[in-house]
N, C-alpha and C. Protein backbone atom coordinates (compact mmCIF):
# COMPACT_ATOMS: atom_id res chain seq x y z
N UNK A 1 212.40 136.93 157.99
CA UNK A 1 211.18 137.18 157.39
C UNK A 1 210.00 136.58 158.43
N UNK A 2 210.32 135.40 158.83
CA UNK A 2 209.25 134.77 159.66
C UNK A 2 208.94 135.24 161.05
N UNK A 3 207.47 135.20 161.08
CA UNK A 3 207.20 135.71 162.25
C UNK A 3 206.97 134.37 163.36
N UNK A 4 207.90 134.51 164.04
CA UNK A 4 207.77 133.21 164.94
C UNK A 4 207.21 133.68 166.41
N UNK A 5 206.08 132.93 166.96
CA UNK A 5 205.74 133.06 168.21
C UNK A 5 205.73 131.87 169.08
N UNK A 6 206.69 131.66 169.92
CA UNK A 6 207.02 130.23 170.63
C UNK A 6 207.29 129.11 169.44
N UNK A 7 208.26 129.68 168.39
CA UNK A 7 208.69 128.84 167.67
C UNK A 7 207.66 127.97 166.24
N UNK A 8 206.54 128.78 166.23
CA UNK A 8 205.60 128.63 165.32
C UNK A 8 205.36 129.58 164.16
N UNK A 9 205.15 129.19 163.00
CA UNK A 9 205.17 130.33 161.95
C UNK A 9 203.85 130.39 161.55
N UNK A 10 203.66 132.05 161.73
CA UNK A 10 202.15 132.51 161.44
C UNK A 10 201.90 132.95 159.65
N UNK A 11 201.00 132.72 159.37
CA UNK A 11 200.52 133.42 158.23
C UNK A 11 200.20 134.82 158.08
N UNK A 12 200.55 135.79 157.13
CA UNK A 12 200.17 136.78 156.80
C UNK A 12 198.87 137.00 156.02
N UNK A 13 197.89 137.83 156.47
CA UNK A 13 196.65 138.00 155.81
C UNK A 13 196.47 139.62 155.60
N UNK A 14 195.78 139.80 154.51
CA UNK A 14 195.41 141.23 154.21
C UNK A 14 194.42 141.91 155.41
N UNK A 15 194.55 143.04 155.68
CA UNK A 15 193.79 143.65 156.80
C UNK A 15 192.63 143.99 155.77
N UNK A 16 191.40 144.35 156.24
CA UNK A 16 190.35 144.59 155.81
C UNK A 16 190.01 146.18 155.49
N UNK A 17 189.61 146.49 154.03
CA UNK A 17 189.67 147.75 153.70
C UNK A 17 188.61 148.28 154.40
N UNK A 18 188.87 149.61 155.05
CA UNK A 18 187.62 150.51 155.63
C UNK A 18 187.42 151.63 154.56
N UNK A 19 186.04 151.83 154.86
CA UNK A 19 185.62 153.10 153.93
C UNK A 19 186.06 154.31 154.63
N UNK A 20 186.09 154.63 156.04
CA UNK A 20 186.83 155.75 156.42
C UNK A 20 188.23 155.96 156.08
N UNK A 21 188.96 155.15 155.67
CA UNK A 21 190.08 155.50 154.95
C UNK A 21 190.23 155.29 153.38
N UNK A 22 189.18 155.68 153.02
CA UNK A 22 188.82 155.61 151.37
C UNK A 22 189.21 154.56 150.74
N UNK A 23 189.04 153.15 151.39
CA UNK A 23 189.40 151.93 150.68
C UNK A 23 190.61 151.77 150.46
N UNK A 24 191.67 152.48 151.02
CA UNK A 24 193.01 152.22 150.61
C UNK A 24 193.54 150.81 151.11
N UNK A 25 194.77 150.39 150.64
CA UNK A 25 195.36 149.20 151.08
C UNK A 25 195.90 149.35 152.44
N UNK A 26 195.32 148.73 153.54
CA UNK A 26 195.71 149.20 154.77
C UNK A 26 197.14 148.28 155.36
N UNK A 27 197.45 147.02 154.48
CA UNK A 27 198.70 146.38 154.77
C UNK A 27 198.55 145.05 154.86
N UNK A 28 199.37 144.48 156.04
CA UNK A 28 199.14 143.06 156.49
C UNK A 28 199.05 142.98 157.90
N UNK A 29 198.58 141.91 158.37
CA UNK A 29 198.64 141.48 160.03
C UNK A 29 199.17 139.84 159.85
N UNK A 30 199.19 139.23 161.26
CA UNK A 30 199.28 137.83 161.49
C UNK A 30 197.88 137.35 161.38
N UNK A 31 197.81 136.49 160.67
CA UNK A 31 196.45 135.74 160.59
C UNK A 31 196.58 134.56 161.51
N UNK A 32 195.05 133.60 161.61
CA UNK A 32 194.91 132.66 162.46
C UNK A 32 195.85 131.35 161.86
N UNK A 33 195.78 131.30 160.83
CA UNK A 33 196.70 130.17 160.16
C UNK A 33 196.80 130.04 158.67
N UNK A 34 197.36 129.15 158.21
CA UNK A 34 197.45 128.94 156.77
C UNK A 34 196.17 128.30 155.75
N UNK A 35 195.89 128.57 155.00
CA UNK A 35 194.82 128.01 154.12
C UNK A 35 194.95 126.73 153.42
N UNK A 36 194.03 126.01 153.04
CA UNK A 36 194.26 124.70 152.73
C UNK A 36 194.83 124.84 151.31
N UNK A 37 194.63 126.10 150.52
CA UNK A 37 195.49 125.84 149.38
C UNK A 37 196.93 126.08 149.45
N UNK A 38 197.07 126.76 150.27
CA UNK A 38 198.65 127.02 150.79
C UNK A 38 199.09 125.73 151.37
N UNK A 39 198.47 125.23 151.73
CA UNK A 39 199.10 123.89 152.30
C UNK A 39 199.62 122.82 151.18
N UNK A 40 198.50 122.84 150.20
CA UNK A 40 198.35 122.05 149.09
C UNK A 40 199.46 122.44 148.30
N UNK A 41 199.74 123.81 147.94
CA UNK A 41 200.95 124.27 147.16
C UNK A 41 202.20 123.90 147.63
N UNK A 42 202.25 123.41 149.12
CA UNK A 42 203.82 123.02 149.59
C UNK A 42 203.75 121.61 149.66
N UNK A 43 202.58 120.82 149.48
CA UNK A 43 202.51 119.55 149.40
C UNK A 43 202.20 118.96 151.00
N UNK A 44 201.44 119.50 151.88
CA UNK A 44 201.11 119.04 153.03
C UNK A 44 200.10 118.91 153.23
N UNK A 45 199.36 118.06 153.75
CA UNK A 45 197.80 117.98 154.25
C UNK A 45 197.57 118.36 155.56
N UNK A 46 196.33 118.14 156.12
CA UNK A 46 196.11 119.08 157.36
C UNK A 46 196.55 118.33 158.37
N UNK A 47 196.49 117.03 158.45
CA UNK A 47 197.15 116.14 159.64
C UNK A 47 198.41 116.38 159.71
N UNK A 48 199.46 116.37 158.66
CA UNK A 48 200.62 116.41 158.96
C UNK A 48 201.07 117.70 159.25
N UNK A 49 200.45 119.17 158.65
CA UNK A 49 200.89 120.44 159.28
C UNK A 49 200.41 120.38 160.71
N UNK A 50 199.28 120.20 161.33
CA UNK A 50 199.00 120.12 162.87
C UNK A 50 199.98 119.53 163.49
N UNK A 51 200.62 118.23 162.97
CA UNK A 51 201.74 117.48 163.31
C UNK A 51 202.78 118.14 163.55
N UNK A 52 203.13 119.00 162.96
CA UNK A 52 204.51 119.77 162.70
C UNK A 52 204.35 121.20 163.41
N UNK A 53 203.17 121.58 164.02
CA UNK A 53 202.91 122.81 164.81
C UNK A 53 202.45 123.91 163.86
N UNK A 54 201.96 123.50 162.74
CA UNK A 54 201.85 124.53 161.67
C UNK A 54 200.53 125.13 161.71
N UNK A 55 199.86 126.16 162.23
CA UNK A 55 198.47 126.45 162.59
C UNK A 55 197.71 126.42 160.80
N UNK A 56 196.41 126.04 161.11
CA UNK A 56 195.51 125.86 159.83
C UNK A 56 194.27 126.56 160.20
N UNK A 57 193.72 127.29 158.96
CA UNK A 57 192.69 128.21 159.15
C UNK A 57 191.69 127.68 158.07
N UNK A 58 191.02 126.55 158.80
CA UNK A 58 189.75 126.07 157.45
C UNK A 58 188.93 127.09 156.81
N UNK A 59 188.71 127.91 157.55
CA UNK A 59 187.71 129.04 156.95
C UNK A 59 188.50 129.99 155.75
N UNK A 60 189.64 130.29 155.95
CA UNK A 60 190.29 130.73 154.56
C UNK A 60 190.24 130.00 153.35
N UNK A 61 190.18 130.97 152.46
CA UNK A 61 190.03 130.31 150.87
C UNK A 61 191.12 130.87 150.04
N UNK A 62 191.64 132.06 150.42
CA UNK A 62 192.83 132.74 149.83
C UNK A 62 193.93 132.15 149.74
N UNK A 63 194.83 131.95 148.64
CA UNK A 63 195.99 131.68 148.60
C UNK A 63 196.93 132.92 148.12
N UNK A 64 197.86 133.02 148.97
CA UNK A 64 199.10 134.20 148.81
C UNK A 64 200.57 133.57 148.67
N UNK A 65 200.92 134.11 147.56
CA UNK A 65 202.40 133.56 147.44
C UNK A 65 203.24 133.82 148.53
N UNK A 66 203.05 135.06 149.23
CA UNK A 66 204.05 135.24 150.14
C UNK A 66 203.84 133.93 151.58
N UNK A 67 202.76 133.64 151.80
CA UNK A 67 202.37 132.73 152.68
C UNK A 67 203.12 131.35 152.20
N UNK A 68 203.15 130.86 150.84
CA UNK A 68 203.59 129.67 150.32
C UNK A 68 205.08 129.87 150.32
N UNK A 69 205.93 130.71 150.51
CA UNK A 69 207.25 131.08 150.51
C UNK A 69 207.71 130.81 152.17
N UNK A 70 206.91 131.60 153.05
CA UNK A 70 207.18 131.31 154.38
C UNK A 70 206.83 129.71 154.79
N UNK A 71 206.05 129.00 154.03
CA UNK A 71 205.89 127.87 154.62
C UNK A 71 207.06 126.72 154.04
N UNK A 72 207.47 127.35 152.75
CA UNK A 72 208.74 126.64 152.24
C UNK A 72 209.72 127.01 153.12
N UNK A 73 210.21 128.16 153.43
CA UNK A 73 211.25 128.45 154.41
C UNK A 73 211.06 127.66 155.70
N UNK A 74 210.01 127.86 156.26
CA UNK A 74 209.74 127.00 157.65
C UNK A 74 210.24 125.72 157.44
N UNK A 75 209.53 124.89 156.27
CA UNK A 75 209.99 123.55 156.29
C UNK A 75 211.29 123.15 156.10
N UNK A 76 211.86 124.22 155.29
CA UNK A 76 213.48 123.62 155.10
C UNK A 76 214.17 123.95 156.50
N UNK A 77 213.74 125.09 157.30
CA UNK A 77 214.46 124.90 158.55
C UNK A 77 214.17 123.82 159.73
N UNK A 78 213.05 123.55 159.61
CA UNK A 78 212.71 122.65 160.31
C UNK A 78 212.96 120.93 160.20
N UNK A 79 213.54 120.80 158.94
CA UNK A 79 214.06 119.53 158.33
C UNK A 79 215.63 119.48 158.94
N UNK A 80 216.37 120.51 159.32
CA UNK A 80 217.77 120.62 159.36
C UNK A 80 218.02 120.26 160.78
């Protein structure tokens, strides 16, 4: 379930709701990086994440469970 581009994990974020589509949930897309809350939930700080090659988006404030699971999975694979 990991979206790997050049061996890097990417965060999934919600697409914006558009009025012309009556505000329906449009789905998910690849984001710029993981939020600080998602990194804290896994137990990584910004410096360590960047050293591991994990993209960090400091502007995002949302915390999604699926991104936390992706980070845990990525870290378990990188330790092997």
